[in-house]
Amino acid sequence: MTKRNTGTSEAESTATKGDRAGRVTADRLLKVAAGVGPNRTVGMDLGDRTSHYCVLDEDGTVVERSKIQTTREGFRRRFEERSRMRIAIEVGTHSPWVSRLLKELGHEVLVANPRKTRLFNDN
């Protein structure tokens, strides 16, 4: 079996595939309730000490990328008294209390289990 040379390195191919997967994920999150509800979508990676997030506008354009402390106060400082957003987080140690807090603050929260989400498993 011969390997065909496509002119791109393996690293470039992986980066492109990862970018495409991220774009598909963003598109699906933006279409969850198109025209209804929040006009900003947030993807969040929860960590033990610090959590990273990325905010997309209605068109899927990144408008903010930052990190916050993974504490109630950290989340309140960033997400309290803000317009309603759709926030997607992955199932994990902190997802139960973070999702409850964000819902209390008025946001729509989607908790995704990557083992049960076909999109993540197919890529």
PDB file of N, CA and C in Angstrom:
ATOM      1  N   MET A   1       0.849  -1.177   0.000  1.00  0.00           N
ATOM      2  CA  MET A   1       0.000   0.000   0.000  1.00  0.00           C
ATOM      3  C   MET A   1       0.891   1.235   0.000  1.00  0.00           C
ATOM      4  N   THR A   2       0.697   2.129  -0.944  1.00  0.00           N
ATOM      5  CA  THR A   2       1.515   3.330  -1.026  1.00  0.00           C
ATOM      6  C   THR A   2       0.766   4.521  -0.467  1.00  0.00           C
ATOM      7  N   LYS A   3       1.545   5.420   0.110  1.00  0.00           N
ATOM      8  CA  LYS A   3       0.961   6.631   0.682  1.00  0.00           C
ATOM      9  C   LYS A   3       1.058   7.742  -0.357  1.00  0.00           C
ATOM     10  N   ARG A   4      -0.057   8.363  -0.634  1.00  0.00           N
ATOM     11  CA  ARG A   4      -0.098   9.431  -1.628  1.00  0.00           C
ATOM     12  C   ARG A   4       0.374  10.735  -1.009  1.00  0.00           C
ATOM     13  N   ASN A   5       1.230  11.461  -1.690  1.00  0.00           N
ATOM     14  CA  ASN A   5       1.718  12.745  -1.208  1.00  0.00           C
ATOM     15  C   ASN A   5       0.743  13.832  -1.652  1.00  0.00           C
ATOM     16  N   THR A   6       0.150  14.512  -0.672  1.00  0.00           N
ATOM     17  CA  THR A   6      -0.838  15.549  -0.992  1.00  0.00           C
ATOM     18  C   THR A   6      -0.229  16.939  -1.000  1.00  0.00           C
ATOM     19  N   GLY A   7       1.069  17.019  -0.695  1.00  0.00           N
ATOM     20  CA  GLY A   7       1.717  18.331  -0.698  1.00  0.00           C
ATOM     21  C   GLY A   7       1.617  19.060   0.628  1.00  0.00           C
ATOM     22  N   THR A   8       0.950  18.470   1.607  1.00  0.00           N
ATOM     23  CA  THR A   8       0.881  19.087   2.934  1.00  0.00           C
ATOM     24  C   THR A   8       1.494  18.144   3.941  1.00  0.00           C
ATOM     25  N   SER A   9       2.109  18.708   4.934  1.00  0.00           N
ATOM     26  CA  SER A   9       2.714  17.881   5.970  1.00  0.00           C
ATOM     27  C   SER A   9       1.631  17.297   6.852  1.00  0.00           C
ATOM     28  N   GLU A  10       1.999  16.275   7.625  1.00  0.00           N
ATOM     29  CA  GLU A  10       1.039  15.643   8.528  1.00  0.00           C
ATOM     30  C   GLU A  10       0.547  16.651   9.558  1.00  0.00           C
ATOM     31  N   ALA A  11       1.437  17.521  10.040  1.00  0.00           N
ATOM     32  CA  ALA A  11       1.044  18.532  11.028  1.00  0.00           C
ATOM     33  C   ALA A  11       0.039  19.513  10.431  1.00  0.00           C
ATOM     34  N   GLU A  12       0.273  19.926   9.178  1.00  0.00           N
ATOM     35  CA  GLU A  12      -0.663  20.844   8.525  1.00  0.00           C
ATOM     36  C   GLU A  12      -2.014  20.173   8.330  1.00  0.00           C
ATOM     37  N   SER A  13      -1.989  18.913   7.935  1.00  0.00           N
ATOM     38  CA  SER A  13      -3.230  18.185   7.728  1.00  0.00           C
ATOM     39  C   SER A  13      -4.014  18.072   9.022  1.00  0.00           C
ATOM     40  N   THR A  14      -3.336  17.766  10.125  1.00  0.00           N
ATOM     41  CA  THR A  14      -3.994  17.650  11.419  1.00  0.00           C
ATOM     42  C   THR A  14      -4.564  18.981  11.860  1.00  0.00           C
ATOM     43  N   ALA A  15      -3.797  20.056  11.676  1.00  0.00           N
ATOM     44  CA  ALA A  15      -4.283  21.383  12.074  1.00  0.00           C
ATOM     45  C   ALA A  15      -5.522  21.756  11.274  1.00  0.00           C
ATOM     46  N   THR A  16      -5.513  21.475   9.996  1.00  0.00           N
ATOM     47  CA  THR A  16      -6.665  21.791   9.159  1.00  0.00           C
ATOM     48  C   THR A  16      -7.877  20.985   9.589  1.00  0.00           C
ATOM     49  N   LYS A  17      -7.678  19.703   9.853  1.00  0.00           N
ATOM     50  CA  LYS A  17      -8.778  18.863  10.295  1.00  0.00           C
ATOM     51  C   LYS A  17      -9.325  19.371  11.623  1.00  0.00           C
ATOM     52  N   GLY A  18      -8.455  19.745  12.551  1.00  0.00           N
ATOM     53  CA  GLY A  18      -8.884  20.279  13.847  1.00  0.00           C
ATOM     54  C   GLY A  18      -9.633  21.582  13.690  1.00  0.00           C
ATOM     55  N   ASP A  19      -9.156  22.458  12.813  1.00  0.00           N
ATOM     56  CA  ASP A  19      -9.833  23.728  12.563  1.00  0.00           C
ATOM     57  C   ASP A  19     -11.217  23.487  11.973  1.00  0.00           C
ATOM     58  N   ARG A  20     -11.292  22.538  11.037  1.00  0.00           N
ATOM     59  CA  ARG A  20     -12.570  22.223  10.413  1.00  0.00           C
ATOM     60  C   ARG A  20     -13.534  21.655  11.449  1.00  0.00           C
ATOM     61  N   ALA A  21     -13.049  20.792  12.321  1.00  0.00           N
ATOM     62  CA  ALA A  21     -13.906  20.210  13.364  1.00  0.00           C
ATOM     63  C   ALA A  21     -14.404  21.307  14.297  1.00  0.00           C
ATOM     64  N   GLY A  22     -13.525  22.227  14.651  1.00  0.00           N
ATOM     65  CA  GLY A  22     -13.938  23.343  15.510  1.00  0.00           C
ATOM     66  C   GLY A  22     -14.966  24.215  14.829  1.00  0.00           C
ATOM     67  N   ARG A  23     -14.787  24.419  13.545  1.00  0.00           N
ATOM     68  CA  ARG A  23     -15.727  25.241  12.782  1.00  0.00           C
ATOM     69  C   ARG A  23     -17.091  24.565  12.694  1.00  0.00           C
ATOM     70  N   VAL A  24     -17.098  23.251  12.465  1.00  0.00           N
ATOM     71  CA  VAL A  24     -18.349  22.511  12.391  1.00  0.00           C
ATOM     72  C   VAL A  24     -19.058  22.584  13.739  1.00  0.00           C
ATOM     73  N   THR A  25     -18.308  22.418  14.827  1.00  0.00           N
ATOM     74  CA  THR A  25     -18.888  22.517  16.168  1.00  0.00           C
ATOM     75  C   THR A  25     -19.504  23.883  16.373  1.00  0.00           C
ATOM     76  N   ALA A  26     -18.787  24.924  16.016  1.00  0.00           N
ATOM     77  CA  ALA A  26     -19.303  26.288  16.168  1.00  0.00           C
ATOM     78  C   ALA A  26     -20.567  26.482  15.343  1.00  0.00           C
ATOM     79  N   ASP A  27     -20.563  25.978  14.114  1.00  0.00           N
ATOM     80  CA  ASP A  27     -21.751  26.110  13.264  1.00  0.00           C
ATOM     81  C   ASP A  27     -22.956  25.431  13.892  1.00  0.00           C
ATOM     82  N   ARG A  28     -22.763  24.242  14.434  1.00  0.00           N
ATOM     83  CA  ARG A  28     -23.886  23.522  15.050  1.00  0.00           C
ATOM     84  C   ARG A  28     -24.391  24.249  16.283  1.00  0.00           C
ATOM     85  N   LEU A  29     -23.483  24.780  17.102  1.00  0.00           N
ATOM     86  CA  LEU A  29     -23.916  25.507  18.292  1.00  0.00           C
ATOM     87  C   LEU A  29     -24.671  26.772  17.910  1.00  0.00           C
ATOM     88  N   LEU A  30     -24.233  27.433  16.864  1.00  0.00           N
ATOM     89  CA  LEU A  30     -24.895  28.659  16.440  1.00  0.00           C
ATOM     90  C   LEU A  30     -26.277  28.376  15.866  1.00  0.00           C
ATOM     91  N   LYS A  31     -26.484  27.170  15.322  1.00  0.00           N
ATOM     92  CA  LYS A  31     -27.767  26.832  14.714  1.00  0.00           C
ATOM     93  C   LYS A  31     -28.742  26.174  15.679  1.00  0.00           C
ATOM     94  N   VAL A  32     -28.341  25.961  16.940  1.00  0.00           N
ATOM     95  CA  VAL A  32     -29.226  25.300  17.900  1.00  0.00           C
ATOM     96  C   VAL A  32     -30.582  25.979  17.931  1.00  0.00           C
ATOM     97  N   ALA A  33     -30.591  27.295  17.983  1.00  0.00           N
ATOM     98  CA  ALA A  33     -31.850  28.036  17.994  1.00  0.00           C
ATOM     99  C   ALA A  33     -31.663  29.298  17.166  1.00  0.00           C
ATOM    100  N   ALA A  34     -31.413  29.110  15.893  1.00  0.00           N
ATOM    101  CA  ALA A  34     -31.147  30.250  15.012  1.00  0.00           C
ATOM    102  C   ALA A  34     -32.279  31.262  15.058  1.00  0.00           C
ATOM    103  N   GLY A  35     -31.919  32.493  15.292  1.00  0.00           N
ATOM    104  CA  GLY A  35     -32.899  33.567  15.318  1.00  0.00           C
ATOM    105  C   GLY A  35     -33.663  33.681  16.622  1.00  0.00           C
ATOM    106  N   VAL A  36     -33.423  32.776  17.538  1.00  0.00           N
ATOM    107  CA  VAL A  36     -34.133  32.786  18.812  1.00  0.00           C
ATOM    108  C   VAL A  36     -33.107  32.713  19.934  1.00  0.00           C
ATOM    109  N   GLY A  37     -33.303  33.498  20.977  1.00  0.00           N
ATOM    110  CA  GLY A  37     -32.430  33.397  22.144  1.00  0.00           C
ATOM    111  C   GLY A  37     -31.166  34.224  22.020  1.00  0.00           C
ATOM    112  N   PRO A  38     -30.118  33.752  22.681  1.00  0.00           N
ATOM    113  CA  PRO A  38     -28.881  34.527  22.771  1.00  0.00           C
ATOM    114  C   PRO A  38     -28.233  34.775  21.414  1.00  0.00           C
ATOM    115  N   ASN A  39     -27.555  35.914  21.291  1.00  0.00           N
ATOM    116  CA  ASN A  39     -26.855  36.191  20.039  1.00  0.00           C
ATOM    117  C   ASN A  39     -25.353  35.960  20.174  1.00  0.00           C
ATOM    118  N   ARG A  40     -24.909  35.488  21.322  1.00  0.00           N
ATOM    119  CA  ARG A  40     -23.502  35.146  21.529  1.00  0.00           C
ATOM    120  C   ARG A  40     -23.416  33.698  21.995  1.00  0.00           C
ATOM    121  N   THR A  41     -22.432  32.983  21.472  1.00  0.00           N
ATOM    122  CA  THR A  41     -22.196  31.602  21.855  1.00  0.00           C
ATOM    123  C   THR A  41     -20.807  31.515  22.454  1.00  0.00           C
ATOM    124  N   VAL A  42     -20.695  30.825  23.588  1.00  0.00           N
ATOM    125  CA  VAL A  42     -19.428  30.708  24.289  1.00  0.00           C
ATOM    126  C   VAL A  42     -19.046  29.238  24.376  1.00  0.00           C
ATOM    127  N   GLY A  43     -17.830  28.929  23.997  1.00  0.00           N
ATOM    128  CA  GLY A  43     -17.265  27.600  24.200  1.00  0.00           C
ATOM    129  C   GLY A  43     -16.289  27.707  25.347  1.00  0.00           C
ATOM    130  N   MET A  44     -16.389  26.791  26.312  1.00  0.00           N
ATOM    131  CA  MET A  44     -15.576  26.914  27.511  1.00  0.00           C
ATOM    132  C   MET A  44     -14.874  25.603  27.826  1.00  0.00           C
ATOM    133  N   ASP A  45     -13.588  25.710  28.170  1.00  0.00           N
ATOM    134  CA  ASP A  45     -12.786  24.580  28.611  1.00  0.00           C
ATOM    135  C   ASP A  45     -12.517  24.783  30.094  1.00  0.00           C
ATOM    136  N   LEU A  46     -13.158  23.966  30.934  1.00  0.00           N
ATOM    137  CA  LEU A  46     -13.029  24.122  32.377  1.00  0.00           C
ATOM    138  C   LEU A  46     -11.784  23.418  32.888  1.00  0.00           C
ATOM    139  N   GLY A  47     -10.979  24.150  33.640  1.00  0.00           N
ATOM    140  CA  GLY A  47      -9.786  23.584  34.259  1.00  0.00           C
ATOM    141  C   GLY A  47      -9.897  23.671  35.770  1.00  0.00           C
ATOM    142  N   ASP A  48      -9.008  23.009  36.476  1.00  0.00           N
ATOM    143  CA  ASP A  48      -9.064  23.017  37.935  1.00  0.00           C
ATOM    144  C   ASP A  48      -8.827  24.407  38.521  1.00  0.00           C
ATOM    145  N   ARG A  49      -7.896  25.150  37.964  1.00  0.00           N
ATOM    146  CA  ARG A  49      -7.592  26.493  38.476  1.00  0.00           C
ATOM    147  C   ARG A  49      -8.033  27.606  37.541  1.00  0.00           C
ATOM    148  N   THR A  50      -7.880  27.364  36.254  1.00  0.00           N
ATOM    149  CA  THR A  50      -8.203  28.376  35.244  1.00  0.00           C
ATOM    150  C   THR A  50      -9.072  27.756  34.167  1.00  0.00           C
ATOM    151  N   SER A  51     -10.047  28.515  33.702  1.00  0.00           N
ATOM    152  CA  SER A  51     -10.909  28.069  32.604  1.00  0.00           C
ATOM    153  C   SER A  51     -10.751  29.029  31.436  1.00  0.00           C
ATOM    154  N   HIS A  52     -10.670  28.478  30.245  1.00  0.00           N
ATOM    155  CA  HIS A  52     -10.513  29.274  29.030  1.00  0.00           C
ATOM    156  C   HIS A  52     -11.851  29.306  28.296  1.00  0.00           C
ATOM    157  N   TYR A  53     -12.132  30.446  27.665  1.00  0.00           N
ATOM    158  CA  TYR A  53     -13.382  30.546  26.912  1.00  0.00           C
ATOM    159  C   TYR A  53     -13.177  31.356  25.648  1.00  0.00           C
ATOM    160  N   CYS A  54     -14.082  31.119  24.707  1.00  0.00           N
ATOM    161  CA  CYS A  54     -14.068  31.810  23.425  1.00  0.00           C
ATOM    162  C   CYS A  54     -15.508  32.219  23.114  1.00  0.00           C
ATOM    163  N   VAL A  55     -15.711  33.495  22.791  1.00  0.00           N
ATOM    164  CA  VAL A  55     -17.043  34.021  22.508  1.00  0.00           C
ATOM    165  C   VAL A  55     -17.178  34.249  21.006  1.00  0.00           C
ATOM    166  N   LEU A  56     -18.272  33.724  20.431  1.00  0.00           N
ATOM    167  CA  LEU A  56     -18.565  33.905  19.009  1.00  0.00           C
ATOM    168  C   LEU A  56     -19.814  34.761  18.857  1.00  0.00           C
ATOM    169  N   ASP A  57     -19.832  35.605  17.824  1.00  0.00           N
ATOM    170  CA  ASP A  57     -21.047  36.377  17.552  1.00  0.00           C
ATOM    171  C   ASP A  57     -21.987  35.543  16.696  1.00  0.00           C
ATOM    172  N   GLU A  58     -23.079  36.148  16.225  1.00  0.00           N
ATOM    173  CA  GLU A  58     -24.089  35.416  15.441  1.00  0.00           C
ATOM    174  C   GLU A  58     -23.535  34.807  14.162  1.00  0.00           C
ATOM    175  N   ASP A  59     -22.485  35.424  13.608  1.00  0.00           N
ATOM    176  CA  ASP A  59     -21.901  34.934  12.359  1.00  0.00           C
ATOM    177  C   ASP A  59     -20.820  33.887  12.585  1.00  0.00           C
ATOM    178  N   GLY A  60     -20.500  33.587  13.855  1.00  0.00           N
ATOM    179  CA  GLY A  60     -19.453  32.624  14.160  1.00  0.00           C
ATOM    180  C   GLY A  60     -18.075  33.236  14.215  1.00  0.00           C
ATOM    181  N   THR A  61     -18.006  34.559  14.238  1.00  0.00           N
ATOM    182  CA  THR A  61     -16.727  35.260  14.323  1.00  0.00           C
ATOM    183  C   THR A  61     -16.303  35.356  15.782  1.00  0.00           C
ATOM    184  N   VAL A  62     -15.034  35.054  16.045  1.00  0.00           N
ATOM    185  CA  VAL A  62     -14.512  35.158  17.405  1.00  0.00           C
ATOM    186  C   VAL A  62     -14.456  36.628  17.792  1.00  0.00           C
ATOM    187  N   VAL A  63     -15.132  36.975  18.897  1.00  0.00           N
ATOM    188  CA  VAL A  63     -15.124  38.361  19.366  1.00  0.00           C
ATOM    189  C   VAL A  63     -14.363  38.518  20.678  1.00  0.00           C
ATOM    190  N   GLU A  64     -14.104  37.407  21.341  1.00  0.00           N
ATOM    191  CA  GLU A  64     -13.341  37.471  22.596  1.00  0.00           C
ATOM    192  C   GLU A  64     -12.773  36.099  22.907  1.00  0.00           C
ATOM    193  N   ARG A  65     -11.549  36.100  23.407  1.00  0.00           N
ATOM    194  CA  ARG A  65     -10.887  34.888  23.884  1.00  0.00           C
ATOM    195  C   ARG A  65     -10.170  35.269  25.153  1.00  0.00           C
ATOM    196  N   SER A  66     -10.410  34.517  26.220  1.00  0.00           N
ATOM    197  CA  SER A  66      -9.766  34.878  27.480  1.00  0.00           C
ATOM    198  C   SER A  66      -9.805  33.701  28.441  1.00  0.00           C
ATOM    199  N   LYS A  67      -9.388  33.962  29.668  1.00  0.00           N
ATOM    200  CA  LYS A  67      -9.444  32.948  30.712  1.00  0.00           C
ATOM    201  C   LYS A  67      -9.908  33.597  32.004  1.00  0.00           C
ATOM    202  N   ILE A  68     -10.468  32.769  32.876  1.00  0.00           N
ATOM    203  CA  ILE A  68     -10.940  33.230  34.178  1.00  0.00           C
ATOM    204  C   ILE A  68     -10.557  32.187  35.230  1.00  0.00           C
ATOM    205  N   GLN A  69     -10.571  32.597  36.479  1.00  0.00           N
ATOM    206  CA  GLN A  69     -10.342  31.651  37.561  1.00  0.00           C
ATOM    207  C   GLN A  69     -11.549  30.730  37.657  1.00  0.00           C
ATOM    208  N   THR A  70     -11.300  29.465  37.912  1.00  0.00           N
ATOM    209  CA  THR A  70     -12.395  28.502  38.049  1.00  0.00           C
ATOM    210  C   THR A  70     -12.915  28.562  39.487  1.00  0.00           C
ATOM    211  N   THR A  71     -13.557  29.678  39.798  1.00  0.00           N
ATOM    212  CA  THR A  71     -14.182  29.892  41.104  1.00  0.00           C
ATOM    213  C   THR A  71     -15.537  30.546  40.865  1.00  0.00           C
ATOM    214  N   ARG A  72     -16.395  30.463  41.843  1.00  0.00           N
ATOM    215  CA  ARG A  72     -17.701  31.119  41.721  1.00  0.00           C
ATOM    216  C   ARG A  72     -17.521  32.612  41.471  1.00  0.00           C
ATOM    217  N   GLU A  73     -16.609  33.222  42.196  1.00  0.00           N
ATOM    218  CA  GLU A  73     -16.365  34.655  42.042  1.00  0.00           C
ATOM    219  C   GLU A  73     -15.833  34.979  40.641  1.00  0.00           C
ATOM    220  N   GLY A  74     -14.941  34.144  40.120  1.00  0.00           N
ATOM    221  CA  GLY A  74     -14.408  34.349  38.777  1.00  0.00           C
ATOM    222  C   GLY A  74     -15.506  34.321  37.721  1.00  0.00           C
ATOM    223  N   PHE A  75     -16.407  33.351  37.831  1.00  0.00           N
ATOM    224  CA  PHE A  75     -17.511  33.248  36.872  1.00  0.00           C
ATOM    225  C   PHE A  75     -18.503  34.397  37.049  1.00  0.00           C
ATOM    226  N   ARG A  76     -18.769  34.758  38.282  1.00  0.00           N
ATOM    227  CA  ARG A  76     -19.689  35.880  38.516  1.00  0.00           C
ATOM    228  C   ARG A  76     -19.139  37.175  37.922  1.00  0.00           C
ATOM    229  N   ARG A  77     -17.851  37.427  38.133  1.00  0.00           N
ATOM    230  CA  ARG A  77     -17.248  38.655  37.594  1.00  0.00           C
ATOM    231  C   ARG A  77     -17.406  38.752  36.084  1.00  0.00           C
ATOM    232  N   ARG A  78     -17.268  37.637  35.386  1.00  0.00           N
ATOM    233  CA  ARG A  78     -17.322  37.666  33.923  1.00  0.00           C
ATOM    234  C   ARG A  78     -18.743  37.559  33.356  1.00  0.00           C
ATOM    235  N   PHE A  79     -19.597  36.745  33.987  1.00  0.00           N
ATOM    236  CA  PHE A  79     -20.882  36.436  33.369  1.00  0.00           C
ATOM    237  C   PHE A  79     -22.102  37.029  34.067  1.00  0.00           C
ATOM    238  N   GLU A  80     -21.936  37.650  35.216  1.00  0.00           N
ATOM    239  CA  GLU A  80     -23.076  38.264  35.897  1.00  0.00           C
ATOM    240  C   GLU A  80     -23.424  39.592  35.241  1.00  0.00           C
ATOM    241  N   GLU A  81     -24.707  39.882  35.178  1.00  0.00           N
ATOM    242  CA  GLU A  81     -25.208  41.138  34.612  1.00  0.00           C
ATOM    243  C   GLU A  81     -24.749  41.358  33.170  1.00  0.00           C
ATOM    244  N   ARG A  82     -24.647  40.278  32.411  1.00  0.00           N
ATOM    245  CA  ARG A  82     -24.336  40.344  30.978  1.00  0.00           C
ATOM    246  C   ARG A  82     -25.567  39.873  30.222  1.00  0.00           C
ATOM    247  N   SER A  83     -25.671  40.260  28.972  1.00  0.00           N
ATOM    248  CA  SER A  83     -26.798  39.778  28.177  1.00  0.00           C
ATOM    249  C   SER A  83     -26.709  38.253  28.073  1.00  0.00           C
ATOM    250  N   ARG A  84     -27.859  37.636  27.916  1.00  0.00           N
ATOM    251  CA  ARG A  84     -27.947  36.180  27.893  1.00  0.00           C
ATOM    252  C   ARG A  84     -27.096  35.592  26.767  1.00  0.00           C
ATOM    253  N   MET A  85     -26.324  34.554  27.099  1.00  0.00           N
ATOM    254  CA  MET A  85     -25.468  33.875  26.124  1.00  0.00           C
ATOM    255  C   MET A  85     -25.748  32.383  26.165  1.00  0.00           C
ATOM    256  N   ARG A  86     -25.430  31.733  25.064  1.00  0.00           N
ATOM    257  CA  ARG A  86     -25.482  30.268  25.001  1.00  0.00           C
ATOM    258  C   ARG A  86     -24.065  29.799  25.303  1.00  0.00           C
ATOM    259  N   ILE A  87     -23.895  29.011  26.372  1.00  0.00           N
ATOM    260  CA  ILE A  87     -22.561  28.599  26.813  1.00  0.00           C
ATOM    261  C   ILE A  87     -22.461  27.079  26.756  1.00  0.00           C
ATOM    262  N   ALA A  88     -21.475  26.583  26.020  1.00  0.00           N
ATOM    263  CA  ALA A  88     -21.251  25.145  25.892  1.00  0.00           C
ATOM    264  C   ALA A  88     -20.029  24.755  26.705  1.00  0.00           C
ATOM    265  N   ILE A  89     -20.217  23.742  27.567  1.00  0.00           N
ATOM    266  CA  ILE A  89     -19.103  23.219  28.364  1.00  0.00           C
ATOM    267  C   ILE A  89     -19.091  21.704  28.233  1.00  0.00           C
ATOM    268  N   GLU A  90     -17.935  21.117  28.484  1.00  0.00           N
ATOM    269  CA  GLU A  90     -17.786  19.672  28.408  1.00  0.00           C
ATOM    270  C   GLU A  90     -18.024  19.067  29.787  1.00  0.00           C
ATOM    271  N   VAL A  91     -18.603  17.879  29.811  1.00  0.00           N
ATOM    272  CA  VAL A  91     -18.810  17.170  31.075  1.00  0.00           C
ATOM    273  C   VAL A  91     -17.467  16.992  31.775  1.00  0.00           C
ATOM    274  N   GLY A  92     -17.459  17.245  33.078  1.00  0.00           N
ATOM    275  CA  GLY A  92     -16.229  17.076  33.847  1.00  0.00           C
ATOM    276  C   GLY A  92     -16.477  17.366  35.313  1.00  0.00           C
ATOM    277  N   THR A  93     -15.407  17.410  36.071  1.00  0.00           N
ATOM    278  CA  THR A  93     -15.477  17.624  37.512  1.00  0.00           C
ATOM    279  C   THR A  93     -16.239  18.885  37.892  1.00  0.00           C
ATOM    280  N   HIS A  94     -15.988  19.967  37.173  1.00  0.00           N
ATOM    281  CA  HIS A  94     -16.570  21.259  37.532  1.00  0.00           C
ATOM    282  C   HIS A  94     -17.879  21.573  36.812  1.00  0.00           C
ATOM    283  N   SER A  95     -18.252  20.776  35.821  1.00  0.00           N
ATOM    284  CA  SER A  95     -19.431  21.112  35.018  1.00  0.00           C
ATOM    285  C   SER A  95     -20.741  21.192  35.806  1.00  0.00           C
ATOM    286  N   PRO A  96     -20.978  20.363  36.844  1.00  0.00           N
ATOM    287  CA  PRO A  96     -22.258  20.500  37.559  1.00  0.00           C
ATOM    288  C   PRO A  96     -22.442  21.859  38.234  1.00  0.00           C
ATOM    289  N   TRP A  97     -21.468  22.292  39.022  1.00  0.00           N
ATOM    290  CA  TRP A  97     -21.652  23.567  39.728  1.00  0.00           C
ATOM    291  C   TRP A  97     -21.527  24.762  38.791  1.00  0.00           C
ATOM    292  N   VAL A  98     -20.674  24.654  37.769  1.00  0.00           N
ATOM    293  CA  VAL A  98     -20.531  25.768  36.822  1.00  0.00           C
ATOM    294  C   VAL A  98     -21.829  25.925  36.022  1.00  0.00           C
ATOM    295  N   SER A  99     -22.408  24.819  35.559  1.00  0.00           N
ATOM    296  CA  SER A  99     -23.642  24.925  34.777  1.00  0.00           C
ATOM    297  C   SER A  99     -24.777  25.496  35.622  1.00  0.00           C
ATOM    298  N   ARG A 100     -24.886  25.074  36.874  1.00  0.00           N
ATOM    299  CA  ARG A 100     -25.931  25.629  37.756  1.00  0.00           C
ATOM    300  C   ARG A 100     -25.732  27.124  37.966  1.00  0.00           C
ATOM    301  N   LEU A 101     -24.492  27.540  38.220  1.00  0.00           N
ATOM    302  CA  LEU A 101     -24.207  28.958  38.442  1.00  0.00           C
ATOM    303  C   LEU A 101     -24.531  29.785  37.201  1.00  0.00           C
ATOM    304  N   LEU A 102     -24.098  29.333  36.036  1.00  0.00           N
ATOM    305  CA  LEU A 102     -24.351  30.083  34.805  1.00  0.00           C
ATOM    306  C   LEU A 102     -25.843  30.168  34.500  1.00  0.00           C
ATOM    307  N   LYS A 103     -26.594  29.103  34.799  1.00  0.00           N
ATOM    308  CA  LYS A 103     -28.051  29.149  34.618  1.00  0.00           C
ATOM    309  C   LYS A 103     -28.679  30.148  35.583  1.00  0.00           C
ATOM    310  N   GLU A 104     -28.195  30.173  36.831  1.00  0.00           N
ATOM    311  CA  GLU A 104     -28.686  31.149  37.814  1.00  0.00           C
ATOM    312  C   GLU A 104     -28.438  32.579  37.341  1.00  0.00           C
ATOM    313  N   LEU A 105     -27.342  32.765  36.603  1.00  0.00           N
ATOM    314  CA  LEU A 105     -26.995  34.090  36.098  1.00  0.00           C
ATOM    315  C   LEU A 105     -27.770  34.435  34.823  1.00  0.00           C
ATOM    316  N   GLY A 106     -28.630  33.508  34.368  1.00  0.00           N
ATOM    317  CA  GLY A 106     -29.520  33.796  33.245  1.00  0.00           C
ATOM    318  C   GLY A 106     -29.069  33.321  31.881  1.00  0.00           C
ATOM    319  N   HIS A 107     -28.029  32.512  31.832  1.00  0.00           N
ATOM    320  CA  HIS A 107     -27.508  32.045  30.548  1.00  0.00           C
ATOM    321  C   HIS A 107     -28.077  30.672  30.189  1.00  0.00           C
ATOM    322  N   GLU A 108     -28.067  30.376  28.901  1.00  0.00           N
ATOM    323  CA  GLU A 108     -28.440  29.047  28.414  1.00  0.00           C
ATOM    324  C   GLU A 108     -27.176  28.200  28.437  1.00  0.00           C
ATOM    325  N   VAL A 109     -27.216  27.052  29.096  1.00  0.00           N
ATOM    326  CA  VAL A 109     -26.017  26.226  29.242  1.00  0.00           C
ATOM    327  C   VAL A 109     -26.238  24.864  28.583  1.00  0.00           C
ATOM    328  N   LEU A 110     -25.287  24.477  27.746  1.00  0.00           N
ATOM    329  CA  LEU A 110     -25.291  23.172  27.095  1.00  0.00           C
ATOM    330  C   LEU A 110     -24.095  22.396  27.631  1.00  0.00           C
ATOM    331  N   VAL A 111     -24.352  21.253  28.261  1.00  0.00           N
ATOM    332  CA  VAL A 111     -23.268  20.415  28.769  1.00  0.00           C
ATOM    333  C   VAL A 111     -23.137  19.227  27.832  1.00  0.00           C
ATOM    334  N   ALA A 112     -21.985  19.113  27.187  1.00  0.00           N
ATOM    335  CA  ALA A 112     -21.772  18.074  26.175  1.00  0.00           C
ATOM    336  C   ALA A 112     -20.884  16.964  26.721  1.00  0.00           C
ATOM    337  N   ASN A 113     -21.310  15.734  26.480  1.00  0.00           N
ATOM    338  CA  ASN A 113     -20.499  14.575  26.816  1.00  0.00           C
ATOM    339  C   ASN A 113     -19.861  14.095  25.519  1.00  0.00           C
ATOM    340  N   PRO A 114     -18.546  14.289  25.347  1.00  0.00           N
ATOM    341  CA  PRO A 114     -17.908  13.945  24.077  1.00  0.00           C
ATOM    342  C   PRO A 114     -18.027  12.470  23.708  1.00  0.00           C
ATOM    343  N   ARG A 115     -18.189  11.600  24.678  1.00  0.00           N
ATOM    344  CA  ARG A 115     -18.345  10.177  24.373  1.00  0.00           C
ATOM    345  C   ARG A 115     -19.703   9.876  23.749  1.00  0.00           C
ATOM    346  N   LYS A 116     -20.661  10.750  24.001  1.00  0.00           N
ATOM    347  CA  LYS A 116     -22.001  10.545  23.464  1.00  0.00           C
ATOM    348  C   LYS A 116     -22.334  11.518  22.337  1.00  0.00           C
ATOM    349  N   THR A 117     -21.382  12.338  21.963  1.00  0.00           N
ATOM    350  CA  THR A 117     -21.606  13.328  20.909  1.00  0.00           C
ATOM    351  C   THR A 117     -20.933  12.826  19.646  1.00  0.00           C
ATOM    352  N   ARG A 118     -21.716  12.467  18.659  1.00  0.00           N
ATOM    353  CA  ARG A 118     -21.200  11.895  17.426  1.00  0.00           C
ATOM    354  C   ARG A 118     -20.164  12.785  16.751  1.00  0.00           C
ATOM    355  N   LEU A 119     -20.386  14.088  16.798  1.00  0.00           N
ATOM    356  CA  LEU A 119     -19.468  15.019  16.133  1.00  0.00           C
ATOM    357  C   LEU A 119     -18.039  14.848  16.623  1.00  0.00           C
ATOM    358  N   PHE A 120     -17.864  14.720  17.935  1.00  0.00           N
ATOM    359  CA  PHE A 120     -16.515  14.580  18.496  1.00  0.00           C
ATOM    360  C   PHE A 120     -15.938  13.203  18.182  1.00  0.00           C
ATOM    361  N   ASN A 121     -16.751  12.183  18.233  1.00  0.00           N
ATOM    362  CA  ASN A 121     -16.267  10.821  17.985  1.00  0.00           C
ATOM    363  C   ASN A 121     -15.901  10.590  16.532  1.00  0.00           C
ATOM    364  N   ASP A 122     -16.579  11.262  15.597  1.00  0.00           N
ATOM    365  CA  ASP A 122     -16.311  11.064  14.175  1.00  0.00           C
ATOM    366  C   ASP A 122     -15.028  11.730  13.715  1.00  0.00           C
ATOM    367  N   ASN A 123     -14.546  12.714  14.444  1.00  0.00           N
ATOM    368  CA  ASN A 123     -13.346  13.452  14.014  1.00  0.00           C
ATOM    369  C   ASN A 123     -12.091  12.901  14.620  1.00  0.00           C
TER     370      ASN A 123
END
